[in-house]
């Protein structure tokens, strides 16, 4: 898990970690199954969650298990999994403190994962 420094919405931070760390590692690992757990205290917008689900779905040849405690997000998750068109995303800001967390994590992981 990536621990964010601030307790605000995580849209920009989550997407940055997805593209900078999670997806490169996942493509190198070639998982047979992707598990996405969505807690009830998630602090991202529905559109971000839909895009996240879409990006993770391409891994493991589409085999993804989604577990959600957030019943209000189930419709968004199912819609994304069914391949329905995604709403456009607005721009998001990566918080400076969290950018530093990602840089440090990437440097640590780079020693073991050449894809980074």
PDB file of N, CA and C in Angstrom:
ATOM      1  N   UNK A   1       0.831  -1.208   0.000  1.00  0.00           N
ATOM      2  CA  UNK A   1       0.000   0.000   0.000  1.00  0.00           C
ATOM      3  C   UNK A   1       0.864   1.257   0.000  1.00  0.00           C
ATOM      4  N   UNK A   2       0.333   2.278  -0.616  1.00  0.00           N
ATOM      5  CA  UNK A   2       1.015   3.565  -0.657  1.00  0.00           C
ATOM      6  C   UNK A   2       0.339   4.459   0.371  1.00  0.00           C
ATOM      7  N   UNK A   3       1.102   4.998   1.282  1.00  0.00           N
ATOM      8  CA  UNK A   3       0.541   5.844   2.341  1.00  0.00           C
ATOM      9  C   UNK A   3       0.675   7.301   1.947  1.00  0.00           C
ATOM     10  N   UNK A   4      -0.448   7.951   1.746  1.00  0.00           N
ATOM     11  CA  UNK A   4      -0.437   9.352   1.362  1.00  0.00           C
ATOM     12  C   UNK A   4      -0.222  10.241   2.579  1.00  0.00           C
ATOM     13  N   UNK A   5       0.435  11.362   2.353  1.00  0.00           N
ATOM     14  CA  UNK A   5       0.765  12.286   3.439  1.00  0.00           C
ATOM     15  C   UNK A   5      -0.415  13.136   3.879  1.00  0.00           C
ATOM     16  N   UNK A   6      -1.349  13.416   2.964  1.00  0.00           N
ATOM     17  CA  UNK A   6      -2.508  14.228   3.318  1.00  0.00           C
ATOM     18  C   UNK A   6      -3.757  13.384   3.219  1.00  0.00           C
ATOM     19  N   UNK A   7      -4.799  13.816   3.884  1.00  0.00           N
ATOM     20  CA  UNK A   7      -6.030  13.055   3.959  1.00  0.00           C
ATOM     21  C   UNK A   7      -7.115  13.630   3.051  1.00  0.00           C
ATOM     22  N   UNK A   8      -6.724  14.244   1.933  1.00  0.00           N
ATOM     23  CA  UNK A   8      -7.678  14.839   1.003  1.00  0.00           C
ATOM     24  C   UNK A   8      -8.123  13.801  -0.016  1.00  0.00           C
ATOM     25  N   UNK A   9      -8.848  14.242  -1.024  1.00  0.00           N
ATOM     26  CA  UNK A   9      -9.188  13.340  -2.120  1.00  0.00           C
ATOM     27  C   UNK A   9      -7.906  12.901  -2.807  1.00  0.00           C
ATOM     28  N   UNK A  10      -7.907  11.691  -3.303  1.00  0.00           N
ATOM     29  CA  UNK A  10      -6.693  11.089  -3.837  1.00  0.00           C
ATOM     30  C   UNK A  10      -6.687  10.917  -5.338  1.00  0.00           C
ATOM     31  N   UNK A  11      -7.555  11.568  -6.069  1.00  0.00           N
ATOM     32  CA  UNK A  11      -7.665  11.318  -7.506  1.00  0.00           C
ATOM     33  C   UNK A  11      -6.323  11.435  -8.231  1.00  0.00           C
ATOM     34  N   UNK A  12      -5.682  12.575  -8.136  1.00  0.00           N
ATOM     35  CA  UNK A  12      -4.409  12.780  -8.815  1.00  0.00           C
ATOM     36  C   UNK A  12      -3.319  11.870  -8.288  1.00  0.00           C
ATOM     37  N   UNK A  13      -3.312  11.681  -6.978  1.00  0.00           N
ATOM     38  CA  UNK A  13      -2.306  10.828  -6.358  1.00  0.00           C
ATOM     39  C   UNK A  13      -2.475   9.367  -6.793  1.00  0.00           C
ATOM     40  N   UNK A  14      -3.716   8.908  -6.814  1.00  0.00           N
ATOM     41  CA  UNK A  14      -3.999   7.537  -7.210  1.00  0.00           C
ATOM     42  C   UNK A  14      -3.637   7.297  -8.673  1.00  0.00           C
ATOM     43  N   UNK A  15      -4.041   8.206  -9.540  1.00  0.00           N
ATOM     44  CA  UNK A  15      -3.733   8.039 -10.960  1.00  0.00           C
ATOM     45  C   UNK A  15      -2.228   8.101 -11.214  1.00  0.00           C
ATOM     46  N   UNK A  16      -1.535   8.967 -10.505  1.00  0.00           N
ATOM     47  CA  UNK A  16      -0.077   9.041 -10.662  1.00  0.00           C
ATOM     48  C   UNK A  16       0.576   7.733 -10.231  1.00  0.00           C
ATOM     49  N   UNK A  17       0.143   7.182  -9.116  1.00  0.00           N
ATOM     50  CA  UNK A  17       0.720   5.916  -8.659  1.00  0.00           C
ATOM     51  C   UNK A  17       0.357   4.780  -9.609  1.00  0.00           C
ATOM     52  N   UNK A  18      -0.839   4.850 -10.192  1.00  0.00           N
ATOM     53  CA  UNK A  18      -1.251   3.822 -11.148  1.00  0.00           C
ATOM     54  C   UNK A  18      -0.315   3.796 -12.348  1.00  0.00           C
ATOM     55  N   UNK A  19      -0.052   4.971 -12.926  1.00  0.00           N
ATOM     56  CA  UNK A  19       0.765   5.029 -14.135  1.00  0.00           C
ATOM     57  C   UNK A  19       2.266   4.938 -13.860  1.00  0.00           C
ATOM     58  N   UNK A  20       2.701   5.403 -12.706  1.00  0.00           N
ATOM     59  CA  UNK A  20       4.138   5.425 -12.399  1.00  0.00           C
ATOM     60  C   UNK A  20       4.644   4.132 -11.750  1.00  0.00           C
ATOM     61  N   UNK A  21       3.775   3.443 -11.011  1.00  0.00           N
ATOM     62  CA  UNK A  21       4.244   2.289 -10.235  1.00  0.00           C
ATOM     63  C   UNK A  21       3.416   1.032 -10.494  1.00  0.00           C
ATOM     64  N   UNK A  22       2.120   1.127 -10.288  1.00  0.00           N
ATOM     65  CA  UNK A  22       1.276  -0.075 -10.291  1.00  0.00           C
ATOM     66  C   UNK A  22       1.238  -0.755 -11.657  1.00  0.00           C
ATOM     67  N   UNK A  23       0.879  -0.027 -12.710  1.00  0.00           N
ATOM     68  CA  UNK A  23       0.784  -0.657 -14.029  1.00  0.00           C
ATOM     69  C   UNK A  23       2.123  -1.168 -14.556  1.00  0.00           C
ATOM     70  N   UNK A  24       3.228  -0.401 -14.460  1.00  0.00           N
ATOM     71  CA  UNK A  24       4.502  -0.969 -14.924  1.00  0.00           C
ATOM     72  C   UNK A  24       4.876  -2.268 -14.200  1.00  0.00           C
ATOM     73  N   UNK A  25       4.674  -2.303 -12.890  1.00  0.00           N
ATOM     74  CA  UNK A  25       4.980  -3.532 -12.147  1.00  0.00           C
ATOM     75  C   UNK A  25       4.037  -4.660 -12.537  1.00  0.00           C
ATOM     76  N   UNK A  26       2.771  -4.339 -12.690  1.00  0.00           N
ATOM     77  CA  UNK A  26       1.785  -5.365 -13.028  1.00  0.00           C
ATOM     78  C   UNK A  26       2.056  -5.960 -14.409  1.00  0.00           C
ATOM     79  N   UNK A  27       2.413  -5.121 -15.386  1.00  0.00           N
ATOM     80  CA  UNK A  27       2.722  -5.651 -16.710  1.00  0.00           C
ATOM     81  C   UNK A  27       3.946  -6.553 -16.668  1.00  0.00           C
ATOM     82  N   UNK A  28       4.918  -6.209 -15.841  1.00  0.00           N
ATOM     83  CA  UNK A  28       6.109  -7.038 -15.705  1.00  0.00           C
ATOM     84  C   UNK A  28       5.823  -8.342 -14.986  1.00  0.00           C
ATOM     85  N   UNK A  29       4.901  -8.301 -14.062  1.00  0.00           N
ATOM     86  CA  UNK A  29       4.552  -9.481 -13.267  1.00  0.00           C
ATOM     87  C   UNK A  29       3.618 -10.416 -14.027  1.00  0.00           C
ATOM     88  N   UNK A  30       2.792  -9.874 -14.903  1.00  0.00           N
ATOM     89  CA  UNK A  30       1.817 -10.619 -15.692  1.00  0.00           C
ATOM     90  C   UNK A  30       0.879 -11.447 -14.793  1.00  0.00           C
ATOM     91  N   UNK A  31       0.042 -10.775 -14.018  1.00  0.00           N
ATOM     92  CA  UNK A  31      -0.835 -11.511 -13.092  1.00  0.00           C
ATOM     93  C   UNK A  31      -1.891 -12.337 -13.815  1.00  0.00           C
ATOM     94  N   UNK A  32      -2.324 -13.398 -13.163  1.00  0.00           N
ATOM     95  CA  UNK A  32      -3.406 -14.221 -13.699  1.00  0.00           C
ATOM     96  C   UNK A  32      -4.760 -13.698 -13.247  1.00  0.00           C
ATOM     97  N   UNK A  33      -4.772 -12.917 -12.180  1.00  0.00           N
ATOM     98  CA  UNK A  33      -5.995 -12.356 -11.637  1.00  0.00           C
ATOM     99  C   UNK A  33      -5.658 -11.031 -10.965  1.00  0.00           C
ATOM    100  N   UNK A  34      -6.515 -10.048 -11.142  1.00  0.00           N
ATOM    101  CA  UNK A  34      -6.362  -8.754 -10.472  1.00  0.00           C
ATOM    102  C   UNK A  34      -7.494  -8.633  -9.464  1.00  0.00           C
ATOM    103  N   UNK A  35      -7.151  -8.236  -8.255  1.00  0.00           N
ATOM    104  CA  UNK A  35      -8.155  -8.020  -7.213  1.00  0.00           C
ATOM    105  C   UNK A  35      -8.162  -6.542  -6.863  1.00  0.00           C
ATOM    106  N   UNK A  36      -9.337  -5.944  -6.964  1.00  0.00           N
ATOM    107  CA  UNK A  36      -9.516  -4.534  -6.604  1.00  0.00           C
ATOM    108  C   UNK A  36     -10.467  -4.486  -5.416  1.00  0.00           C
ATOM    109  N   UNK A  37      -9.968  -4.032  -4.288  1.00  0.00           N
ATOM    110  CA  UNK A  37     -10.794  -3.890  -3.083  1.00  0.00           C
ATOM    111  C   UNK A  37     -11.090  -2.406  -2.869  1.00  0.00           C
ATOM    112  N   UNK A  38     -12.367  -2.090  -2.775  1.00  0.00           N
ATOM    113  CA  UNK A  38     -12.806  -0.709  -2.612  1.00  0.00           C
ATOM    114  C   UNK A  38     -13.446  -0.582  -1.237  1.00  0.00           C
ATOM    115  N   UNK A  39     -12.804   0.184  -0.369  1.00  0.00           N
ATOM    116  CA  UNK A  39     -13.322   0.367   0.984  1.00  0.00           C
ATOM    117  C   UNK A  39     -14.434   1.400   1.043  1.00  0.00           C
ATOM    118  N   UNK A  40     -15.096   1.421   2.148  1.00  0.00           N
ATOM    119  CA  UNK A  40     -16.203   2.367   2.316  1.00  0.00           C
ATOM    120  C   UNK A  40     -15.713   3.794   2.539  1.00  0.00           C
ATOM    121  N   UNK A  41     -14.438   3.959   2.855  1.00  0.00           N
ATOM    122  CA  UNK A  41     -13.889   5.289   3.123  1.00  0.00           C
ATOM    123  C   UNK A  41     -13.066   5.828   1.952  1.00  0.00           C
ATOM    124  N   UNK A  42     -13.318   5.336   0.764  1.00  0.00           N
ATOM    125  CA  UNK A  42     -12.555   5.760  -0.411  1.00  0.00           C
ATOM    126  C   UNK A  42     -12.779   7.240  -0.675  1.00  0.00           C
ATOM    127  N   UNK A  43     -11.695   7.943  -1.010  1.00  0.00           N
ATOM    128  CA  UNK A  43     -11.782   9.395  -1.217  1.00  0.00           C
ATOM    129  C   UNK A  43     -11.383   9.770  -2.634  1.00  0.00           C
ATOM    130  N   UNK A  44     -12.018   9.103  -3.590  1.00  0.00           N
ATOM    131  CA  UNK A  44     -11.822   9.486  -4.985  1.00  0.00           C
ATOM    132  C   UNK A  44     -13.194   9.639  -5.639  1.00  0.00           C
ATOM    133  N   UNK A  45     -13.211  10.354  -6.744  1.00  0.00           N
ATOM    134  CA  UNK A  45     -14.466  10.560  -7.455  1.00  0.00           C
ATOM    135  C   UNK A  45     -14.855   9.281  -8.203  1.00  0.00           C
ATOM    136  N   UNK A  46     -16.143   9.132  -8.460  1.00  0.00           N
ATOM    137  CA  UNK A  46     -16.631   7.946  -9.163  1.00  0.00           C
ATOM    138  C   UNK A  46     -15.980   7.785 -10.527  1.00  0.00           C
ATOM    139  N   UNK A  47     -15.791   8.888 -11.240  1.00  0.00           N
ATOM    140  CA  UNK A  47     -15.194   8.814 -12.571  1.00  0.00           C
ATOM    141  C   UNK A  47     -13.760   8.284 -12.487  1.00  0.00           C
ATOM    142  N   UNK A  48     -13.044   8.640 -11.451  1.00  0.00           N
ATOM    143  CA  UNK A  48     -11.681   8.152 -11.266  1.00  0.00           C
ATOM    144  C   UNK A  48     -11.697   6.654 -10.992  1.00  0.00           C
ATOM    145  N   UNK A  49     -12.623   6.216 -10.162  1.00  0.00           N
ATOM    146  CA  UNK A  49     -12.751   4.788  -9.867  1.00  0.00           C
ATOM    147  C   UNK A  49     -13.098   4.005 -11.128  1.00  0.00           C
ATOM    148  N   UNK A  50     -13.961   4.554 -11.969  1.00  0.00           N
ATOM    149  CA  UNK A  50     -14.329   3.882 -13.222  1.00  0.00           C
ATOM    150  C   UNK A  50     -13.109   3.722 -14.119  1.00  0.00           C
ATOM    151  N   UNK A  51     -12.307   4.773 -14.233  1.00  0.00           N
ATOM    152  CA  UNK A  51     -11.098   4.705 -15.069  1.00  0.00           C
ATOM    153  C   UNK A  51     -10.071   3.750 -14.464  1.00  0.00           C
ATOM    154  N   UNK A  52      -9.915   3.780 -13.158  1.00  0.00           N
ATOM    155  CA  UNK A  52      -8.996   2.859 -12.484  1.00  0.00           C
ATOM    156  C   UNK A  52      -9.391   1.415 -12.780  1.00  0.00           C
ATOM    157  N   UNK A  53     -10.677   1.113 -12.643  1.00  0.00           N
ATOM    158  CA  UNK A  53     -11.169  -0.231 -12.915  1.00  0.00           C
ATOM    159  C   UNK A  53     -10.893  -0.622 -14.364  1.00  0.00           C
ATOM    160  N   UNK A  54     -11.128   0.305 -15.267  1.00  0.00           N
ATOM    161  CA  UNK A  54     -10.888   0.053 -16.692  1.00  0.00           C
ATOM    162  C   UNK A  54      -9.414  -0.265 -16.949  1.00  0.00           C
ATOM    163  N   UNK A  55      -8.510   0.524 -16.389  1.00  0.00           N
ATOM    164  CA  UNK A  55      -7.081   0.301 -16.606  1.00  0.00           C
ATOM    165  C   UNK A  55      -6.616  -1.021 -16.013  1.00  0.00           C
ATOM    166  N   UNK A  56      -7.146  -1.385 -14.852  1.00  0.00           N
ATOM    167  CA  UNK A  56      -6.750  -2.648 -14.228  1.00  0.00           C
ATOM    168  C   UNK A  56      -7.336  -3.854 -14.954  1.00  0.00           C
ATOM    169  N   UNK A  57      -8.455  -3.648 -15.624  1.00  0.00           N
ATOM    170  CA  UNK A  57      -9.125  -4.744 -16.302  1.00  0.00           C
ATOM    171  C   UNK A  57      -8.312  -5.294 -17.467  1.00  0.00           C
ATOM    172  N   UNK A  58      -7.452  -4.502 -18.058  1.00  0.00           N
ATOM    173  CA  UNK A  58      -6.663  -4.980 -19.189  1.00  0.00           C
ATOM    174  C   UNK A  58      -5.569  -5.952 -18.746  1.00  0.00           C
ATOM    175  N   UNK A  59      -5.254  -5.942 -17.471  1.00  0.00           N
ATOM    176  CA  UNK A  59      -4.287  -6.899 -16.940  1.00  0.00           C
ATOM    177  C   UNK A  59      -4.966  -8.259 -16.803  1.00  0.00           C
ATOM    178  N   UNK A  60      -4.215  -9.300 -16.743  1.00  0.00           N
ATOM    179  CA  UNK A  60      -4.721 -10.651 -16.492  1.00  0.00           C
ATOM    180  C   UNK A  60      -5.833 -11.035 -17.471  1.00  0.00           C
ATOM    181  N   UNK A  61      -5.713 -10.563 -18.690  1.00  0.00           N
ATOM    182  CA  UNK A  61      -6.682 -10.882 -19.741  1.00  0.00           C
ATOM    183  C   UNK A  61      -8.118 -10.613 -19.313  1.00  0.00           C
ATOM    184  N   UNK A  62      -8.299  -9.548 -18.536  1.00  0.00           N
ATOM    185  CA  UNK A  62      -9.643  -9.146 -18.122  1.00  0.00           C
ATOM    186  C   UNK A  62     -10.164  -9.831 -16.879  1.00  0.00           C
ATOM    187  N   UNK A  63      -9.391 -10.727 -16.300  1.00  0.00           N
ATOM    188  CA  UNK A  63      -9.851 -11.410 -15.083  1.00  0.00           C
ATOM    189  C   UNK A  63      -9.615 -10.497 -13.882  1.00  0.00           C
ATOM    190  N   UNK A  64     -10.684  -9.914 -13.404  1.00  0.00           N
ATOM    191  CA  UNK A  64     -10.596  -8.983 -12.287  1.00  0.00           C
ATOM    192  C   UNK A  64     -11.713  -9.297 -11.291  1.00  0.00           C
ATOM    193  N   UNK A  65     -11.345  -9.344 -10.044  1.00  0.00           N
ATOM    194  CA  UNK A  65     -12.305  -9.538  -8.958  1.00  0.00           C
ATOM    195  C   UNK A  65     -12.405  -8.211  -8.218  1.00  0.00           C
ATOM    196  N   UNK A  66     -13.601  -7.664  -8.164  1.00  0.00           N
ATOM    197  CA  UNK A  66     -13.818  -6.394  -7.478  1.00  0.00           C
ATOM    198  C   UNK A  66     -14.632  -6.664  -6.219  1.00  0.00           C
ATOM    199  N   UNK A  67     -14.103  -6.235  -5.099  1.00  0.00           N
ATOM    200  CA  UNK A  67     -14.782  -6.364  -3.811  1.00  0.00           C
ATOM    201  C   UNK A  67     -15.014  -4.952  -3.301  1.00  0.00           C
ATOM    202  N   UNK A  68     -16.273  -4.625  -3.029  1.00  0.00           N
ATOM    203  CA  UNK A  68     -16.583  -3.250  -2.635  1.00  0.00           C
ATOM    204  C   UNK A  68     -17.423  -3.205  -1.363  1.00  0.00           C
ATOM    205  N   UNK A  69     -16.960  -2.406  -0.407  1.00  0.00           N
ATOM    206  CA  UNK A  69     -17.748  -2.106   0.787  1.00  0.00           C
ATOM    207  C   UNK A  69     -18.622  -0.886   0.535  1.00  0.00           C
ATOM    208  N   UNK A  70     -18.352  -0.169  -0.536  1.00  0.00           N
ATOM    209  CA  UNK A  70     -19.062   1.075  -0.845  1.00  0.00           C
ATOM    210  C   UNK A  70     -20.225   0.758  -1.779  1.00  0.00           C
ATOM    211  N   UNK A  71     -21.383   0.498  -1.222  1.00  0.00           N
ATOM    212  CA  UNK A  71     -22.535   0.093  -2.032  1.00  0.00           C
ATOM    213  C   UNK A  71     -22.951   1.170  -3.023  1.00  0.00           C
ATOM    214  N   UNK A  72     -22.661   2.430  -2.721  1.00  0.00           N
ATOM    215  CA  UNK A  72     -23.029   3.506  -3.638  1.00  0.00           C
ATOM    216  C   UNK A  72     -22.145   3.544  -4.886  1.00  0.00           C
ATOM    217  N   UNK A  73     -21.060   2.772  -4.897  1.00  0.00           N
ATOM    218  CA  UNK A  73     -20.158   2.759  -6.053  1.00  0.00           C
ATOM    219  C   UNK A  73     -20.323   1.514  -6.921  1.00  0.00           C
ATOM    220  N   UNK A  74     -21.187   0.601  -6.515  1.00  0.00           N
ATOM    221  CA  UNK A  74     -21.335  -0.660  -7.246  1.00  0.00           C
ATOM    222  C   UNK A  74     -21.758  -0.412  -8.689  1.00  0.00           C
ATOM    223  N   UNK A  75     -22.694   0.482  -8.915  1.00  0.00           N
ATOM    224  CA  UNK A  75     -23.161   0.769 -10.277  1.00  0.00           C
ATOM    225  C   UNK A  75     -22.015   1.270 -11.151  1.00  0.00           C
ATOM    226  N   UNK A  76     -21.177   2.140 -10.612  1.00  0.00           N
ATOM    227  CA  UNK A  76     -20.022   2.658 -11.351  1.00  0.00           C
ATOM    228  C   UNK A  76     -19.050   1.529 -11.692  1.00  0.00           C
ATOM    229  N   UNK A  77     -18.787   0.676 -10.722  1.00  0.00           N
ATOM    230  CA  UNK A  77     -17.864  -0.438 -10.933  1.00  0.00           C
ATOM    231  C   UNK A  77     -18.388  -1.401 -11.992  1.00  0.00           C
ATOM    232  N   UNK A  78     -19.649  -1.777 -11.886  1.00  0.00           N
ATOM    233  CA  UNK A  78     -20.240  -2.716 -12.845  1.00  0.00           C
ATOM    234  C   UNK A  78     -20.247  -2.117 -14.243  1.00  0.00           C
ATOM    235  N   UNK A  79     -20.600  -0.864 -14.362  1.00  0.00           N
ATOM    236  CA  UNK A  79     -20.632  -0.196 -15.656  1.00  0.00           C
ATOM    237  C   UNK A  79     -19.254  -0.218 -16.319  1.00  0.00           C
ATOM    238  N   UNK A  80     -18.231   0.058 -15.538  1.00  0.00           N
ATOM    239  CA  UNK A  80     -16.876   0.046 -16.067  1.00  0.00           C
ATOM    240  C   UNK A  80     -16.455  -1.368 -16.473  1.00  0.00           C
ATOM    241  N   UNK A  81     -16.789  -2.349 -15.643  1.00  0.00           N
ATOM    242  CA  UNK A  81     -16.430  -3.737 -15.949  1.00  0.00           C
ATOM    243  C   UNK A  81     -17.137  -4.255 -17.199  1.00  0.00           C
ATOM    244  N   UNK A  82     -18.329  -3.749 -17.460  1.00  0.00           N
ATOM    245  CA  UNK A  82     -19.079  -4.171 -18.645  1.00  0.00           C
ATOM    246  C   UNK A  82     -18.597  -3.478 -19.919  1.00  0.00           C
ATOM    247  N   UNK A  83     -17.673  -2.539 -19.763  1.00  0.00           N
ATOM    248  CA  UNK A  83     -17.113  -1.859 -20.922  1.00  0.00           C
ATOM    249  C   UNK A  83     -17.942  -0.698 -21.420  1.00  0.00           C
ATOM    250  N   UNK A  84     -18.840  -0.212 -20.595  1.00  0.00           N
ATOM    251  CA  UNK A  84     -19.634   0.959 -20.991  1.00  0.00           C
ATOM    252  C   UNK A  84     -18.723   2.174 -21.125  1.00  0.00           C
ATOM    253  N   UNK A  85     -19.089   3.127 -21.975  1.00  0.00           N
ATOM    254  CA  UNK A  85     -18.247   4.325 -22.140  1.00  0.00           C
ATOM    255  C   UNK A  85     -18.030   5.039 -20.804  1.00  0.00           C
ATOM    256  N   UNK A  86     -16.813   5.500 -20.617  1.00  0.00           N
ATOM    257  CA  UNK A  86     -16.451   6.188 -19.374  1.00  0.00           C
ATOM    258  C   UNK A  86     -16.643   7.689 -19.534  1.00  0.00           C
ATOM    259  N   UNK A  87     -17.060   8.319 -18.468  1.00  0.00           N
ATOM    260  CA  UNK A  87     -17.179   9.776 -18.474  1.00  0.00           C
ATOM    261  C   UNK A  87     -15.783  10.389 -18.569  1.00  0.00           C
ATOM    262  N   UNK A  88     -15.712  11.555 -19.149  1.00  0.00           N
ATOM    263  CA  UNK A  88     -14.428  12.253 -19.257  1.00  0.00           C
ATOM    264  C   UNK A  88     -13.949  12.674 -17.878  1.00  0.00           C
ATOM    265  N   UNK A  89     -12.659  12.654 -17.723  1.00  0.00           N
ATOM    266  CA  UNK A  89     -12.067  13.059 -16.452  1.00  0.00           C
ATOM    267  C   UNK A  89     -11.582  14.493 -16.555  1.00  0.00           C
ATOM    268  N   UNK A  90     -11.705  15.206 -15.451  1.00  0.00           N
ATOM    269  CA  UNK A  90     -11.109  16.534 -15.395  1.00  0.00           C
ATOM    270  C   UNK A  90      -9.656  16.378 -14.958  1.00  0.00           C
ATOM    271  N   UNK A  91      -8.912  17.446 -14.997  1.00  0.00           N
ATOM    272  CA  UNK A  91      -7.519  17.345 -14.570  1.00  0.00           C
ATOM    273  C   UNK A  91      -7.451  17.267 -13.049  1.00  0.00           C
ATOM    274  N   UNK A  92      -6.455  16.561 -12.578  1.00  0.00           N
ATOM    275  CA  UNK A  92      -6.264  16.393 -11.154  1.00  0.00           C
ATOM    276  C   UNK A  92      -4.864  16.821 -10.780  1.00  0.00           C
ATOM    277  N   UNK A  93      -4.698  17.180  -9.546  1.00  0.00           N
ATOM    278  CA  UNK A  93      -3.409  17.659  -9.063  1.00  0.00           C
ATOM    279  C   UNK A  93      -2.766  16.599  -8.173  1.00  0.00           C
ATOM    280  N   UNK A  94      -1.514  16.326  -8.438  1.00  0.00           N
ATOM    281  CA  UNK A  94      -0.731  15.467  -7.569  1.00  0.00           C
ATOM    282  C   UNK A  94      -0.141  16.351  -6.479  1.00  0.00           C
ATOM    283  N   UNK A  95      -0.484  16.064  -5.239  1.00  0.00           N
ATOM    284  CA  UNK A  95       0.005  16.875  -4.130  1.00  0.00           C
ATOM    285  C   UNK A  95       1.510  16.686  -3.986  1.00  0.00           C
ATOM    286  N   UNK A  96       2.214  17.768  -3.721  1.00  0.00           N
ATOM    287  CA  UNK A  96       3.673  17.741  -3.676  1.00  0.00           C
ATOM    288  C   UNK A  96       4.200  16.714  -2.671  1.00  0.00           C
ATOM    289  N   UNK A  97       3.594  16.657  -1.513  1.00  0.00           N
ATOM    290  CA  UNK A  97       4.050  15.694  -0.496  1.00  0.00           C
ATOM    291  C   UNK A  97       3.913  14.269  -1.005  1.00  0.00           C
ATOM    292  N   UNK A  98       2.837  14.004  -1.717  1.00  0.00           N
ATOM    293  CA  UNK A  98       2.609  12.663  -2.236  1.00  0.00           C
ATOM    294  C   UNK A  98       3.488  12.371  -3.443  1.00  0.00           C
ATOM    295  N   UNK A  99       3.837  13.389  -4.199  1.00  0.00           N
ATOM    296  CA  UNK A  99       4.772  13.206  -5.303  1.00  0.00           C
ATOM    297  C   UNK A  99       6.117  12.727  -4.765  1.00  0.00           C
ATOM    298  N   UNK A 100       6.532  13.270  -3.642  1.00  0.00           N
ATOM    299  CA  UNK A 100       7.786  12.845  -3.016  1.00  0.00           C
ATOM    300  C   UNK A 100       7.714  11.397  -2.540  1.00  0.00           C
ATOM    301  N   UNK A 101       6.554  10.999  -2.031  1.00  0.00           N
ATOM    302  CA  UNK A 101       6.349   9.601  -1.617  1.00  0.00           C
ATOM    303  C   UNK A 101       6.519   8.679  -2.818  1.00  0.00           C
ATOM    304  N   UNK A 102       5.921   9.058  -3.963  1.00  0.00           N
ATOM    305  CA  UNK A 102       6.025   8.233  -5.165  1.00  0.00           C
ATOM    306  C   UNK A 102       7.458   8.165  -5.690  1.00  0.00           C
ATOM    307  N   UNK A 103       8.167   9.277  -5.666  1.00  0.00           N
ATOM    308  CA  UNK A 103       9.559   9.295  -6.133  1.00  0.00           C
ATOM    309  C   UNK A 103      10.409   8.363  -5.275  1.00  0.00           C
ATOM    310  N   UNK A 104      10.241   8.456  -3.970  1.00  0.00           N
ATOM    311  CA  UNK A 104      11.012   7.600  -3.054  1.00  0.00           C
ATOM    312  C   UNK A 104      10.667   6.124  -3.254  1.00  0.00           C
ATOM    313  N   UNK A 105       9.394   5.818  -3.369  1.00  0.00           N
ATOM    314  CA  UNK A 105       8.969   4.430  -3.570  1.00  0.00           C
ATOM    315  C   UNK A 105       9.493   3.889  -4.895  1.00  0.00           C
ATOM    316  N   UNK A 106       9.421   4.702  -5.930  1.00  0.00           N
ATOM    317  CA  UNK A 106       9.904   4.279  -7.244  1.00  0.00           C
ATOM    318  C   UNK A 106      11.408   3.991  -7.202  1.00  0.00           C
ATOM    319  N   UNK A 107      12.167   4.827  -6.499  1.00  0.00           N
ATOM    320  CA  UNK A 107      13.613   4.605  -6.378  1.00  0.00           C
ATOM    321  C   UNK A 107      13.903   3.301  -5.648  1.00  0.00           C
ATOM    322  N   UNK A 108      13.144   3.030  -4.604  1.00  0.00           N
ATOM    323  CA  UNK A 108      13.346   1.789  -3.848  1.00  0.00           C
ATOM    324  C   UNK A 108      12.996   0.563  -4.696  1.00  0.00           C
ATOM    325  N   UNK A 109      11.894   0.641  -5.420  1.00  0.00           N
ATOM    326  CA  UNK A 109      11.444  -0.492  -6.220  1.00  0.00           C
ATOM    327  C   UNK A 109      12.289  -0.701  -7.465  1.00  0.00           C
ATOM    328  N   UNK A 110      12.911   0.355  -7.962  1.00  0.00           N
ATOM    329  CA  UNK A 110      13.709   0.291  -9.185  1.00  0.00           C
ATOM    330  C   UNK A 110      14.879  -0.688  -9.046  1.00  0.00           C
ATOM    331  N   UNK A 111      15.338  -0.879  -7.833  1.00  0.00           N
ATOM    332  CA  UNK A 111      16.443  -1.804  -7.596  1.00  0.00           C
ATOM    333  C   UNK A 111      16.045  -3.245  -7.928  1.00  0.00           C
ATOM    334  N   UNK A 112      14.773  -3.543  -7.835  1.00  0.00           N
ATOM    335  CA  UNK A 112      14.282  -4.915  -8.007  1.00  0.00           C
ATOM    336  C   UNK A 112      13.452  -5.104  -9.283  1.00  0.00           C
ATOM    337  N   UNK A 113      12.940  -4.018  -9.831  1.00  0.00           N
ATOM    338  CA  UNK A 113      12.063  -4.090 -10.996  1.00  0.00           C
ATOM    339  C   UNK A 113      12.613  -3.190 -12.107  1.00  0.00           C
ATOM    340  N   UNK A 114      13.122  -3.783 -13.147  1.00  0.00           N
ATOM    341  CA  UNK A 114      13.750  -3.033 -14.239  1.00  0.00           C
ATOM    342  C   UNK A 114      12.748  -2.188 -15.037  1.00  0.00           C
ATOM    343  N   UNK A 115      11.470  -2.540 -15.000  1.00  0.00           N
ATOM    344  CA  UNK A 115      10.471  -1.799 -15.760  1.00  0.00           C
ATOM    345  C   UNK A 115      10.249  -0.383 -15.231  1.00  0.00           C
ATOM    346  N   UNK A 116      10.708  -0.108 -14.026  1.00  0.00           N
ATOM    347  CA  UNK A 116      10.564   1.223 -13.456  1.00  0.00           C
ATOM    348  C   UNK A 116      11.766   2.070 -13.843  1.00  0.00           C
TER     349      UNK A 116
END
